[in-house]
Amino acid sequence: MPLRKISGKECVKILCNKFGFALVRQRGSHIVLQCKTATGTVGTVVPNHKELKLGTLKGVLALAKVDEDAFAEYL
């Protein structure tokens, strides 16, 4: 299943519930998430917008080191 446009809130929900990320802080419309792994801490920033463009979503997933196909399974 390919990626599609989703809201920032939905992106945060999937990353937290399915990939083990935790909300660290929020400043304005930017939500900072972190996940502790065996190799260290991985973090990402998700804009809390009604609709994330595909390029923005791909950037969020790249920072989070989450495979796009694995993420797309939960859409």
Protein backbone atom coordinates (compact mmCIF):
# COMPACT_ATOMS: atom_id res chain seq x y z
CA MET A 1 0.00 0.00 0.00
CA PRO A 2 1.54 3.36 -1.00
CA LEU A 3 1.74 6.36 1.30
CA ARG A 4 -1.10 8.86 1.19
CA LYS A 5 -1.74 12.26 2.70
CA ILE A 6 -2.69 12.07 6.38
CA SER A 7 -2.97 14.54 9.24
CA GLY A 8 -0.10 15.24 11.61
CA LYS A 9 -2.21 13.93 14.48
CA GLU A 10 -2.76 10.61 12.68
CA CYS A 11 0.97 10.35 11.93
CA VAL A 12 1.84 10.87 15.61
CA LYS A 13 -0.76 8.29 16.64
CA ILE A 14 0.71 5.63 14.32
CA LEU A 15 4.32 6.36 15.31
CA CYS A 16 3.49 6.22 19.03
CA ASN A 17 1.18 3.19 19.02
CA LYS A 18 2.85 1.00 16.40
CA PHE A 19 6.54 2.01 16.40
CA GLY A 20 7.19 2.80 20.08
CA PHE A 21 7.74 6.54 19.85
CA ALA A 22 6.88 8.80 22.78
CA LEU A 23 5.84 12.44 22.80
CA VAL A 24 8.67 14.55 24.23
CA ARG A 25 7.31 18.06 23.77
CA GLN A 26 5.25 20.32 21.55
CA ARG A 27 5.95 23.91 20.63
CA GLY A 28 3.33 25.54 18.49
CA SER A 29 2.40 23.18 15.70
CA HIS A 30 5.53 21.01 15.90
CA ILE A 31 5.42 17.76 17.88
CA VAL A 32 8.74 16.19 18.88
CA LEU A 33 8.84 12.40 19.24
CA GLN A 34 11.61 10.09 20.46
CA CYS A 35 12.21 6.36 20.51
CA LYS A 36 14.99 4.54 22.35
CA THR A 37 16.64 1.77 20.32
CA ALA A 38 19.59 -0.55 20.86
CA THR A 39 21.82 1.79 18.83
CA GLY A 40 20.68 4.97 20.60
CA THR A 41 17.85 7.46 20.58
CA VAL A 42 15.95 8.27 17.38
CA GLY A 43 13.89 11.44 17.14
CA THR A 44 11.63 13.15 14.66
CA VAL A 45 9.46 16.26 14.37
CA VAL A 46 5.89 16.08 13.08
CA PRO A 47 4.02 19.24 12.04
CA ASN A 48 0.53 19.15 13.53
CA HIS A 49 -1.25 20.13 10.31
CA LYS A 50 -4.60 18.98 8.94
CA GLU A 51 -2.83 17.41 5.98
CA LEU A 52 0.84 16.47 5.58
CA LYS A 53 2.18 16.56 2.05
CA LEU A 54 3.85 13.35 0.90
CA GLY A 55 7.32 14.92 0.85
CA THR A 56 6.89 16.12 4.42
CA LEU A 57 5.64 12.71 5.55
CA LYS A 58 8.60 11.00 3.86
CA GLY A 59 10.96 13.41 5.64
CA VAL A 60 9.36 12.66 9.01
CA LEU A 61 9.71 8.92 8.39
CA ALA A 62 13.33 9.30 7.25
CA LEU A 63 14.22 11.16 10.47
CA ALA A 64 12.40 8.50 12.48
CA LYS A 65 14.20 5.71 10.56
CA VAL A 66 10.86 4.04 9.85
CA ASP A 67 10.39 2.17 6.57
CA GLU A 68 7.70 3.74 4.38
CA ASP A 69 6.15 0.37 3.52
CA ALA A 70 5.96 -0.63 7.19
CA PHE A 71 4.28 2.69 8.01
CA ALA A 72 1.87 2.41 5.07
CA GLU A 73 0.52 -0.90 6.44
CA TYR A 74 -1.18 1.05 9.25
CA LEU A 75 -2.92 3.60 7.01
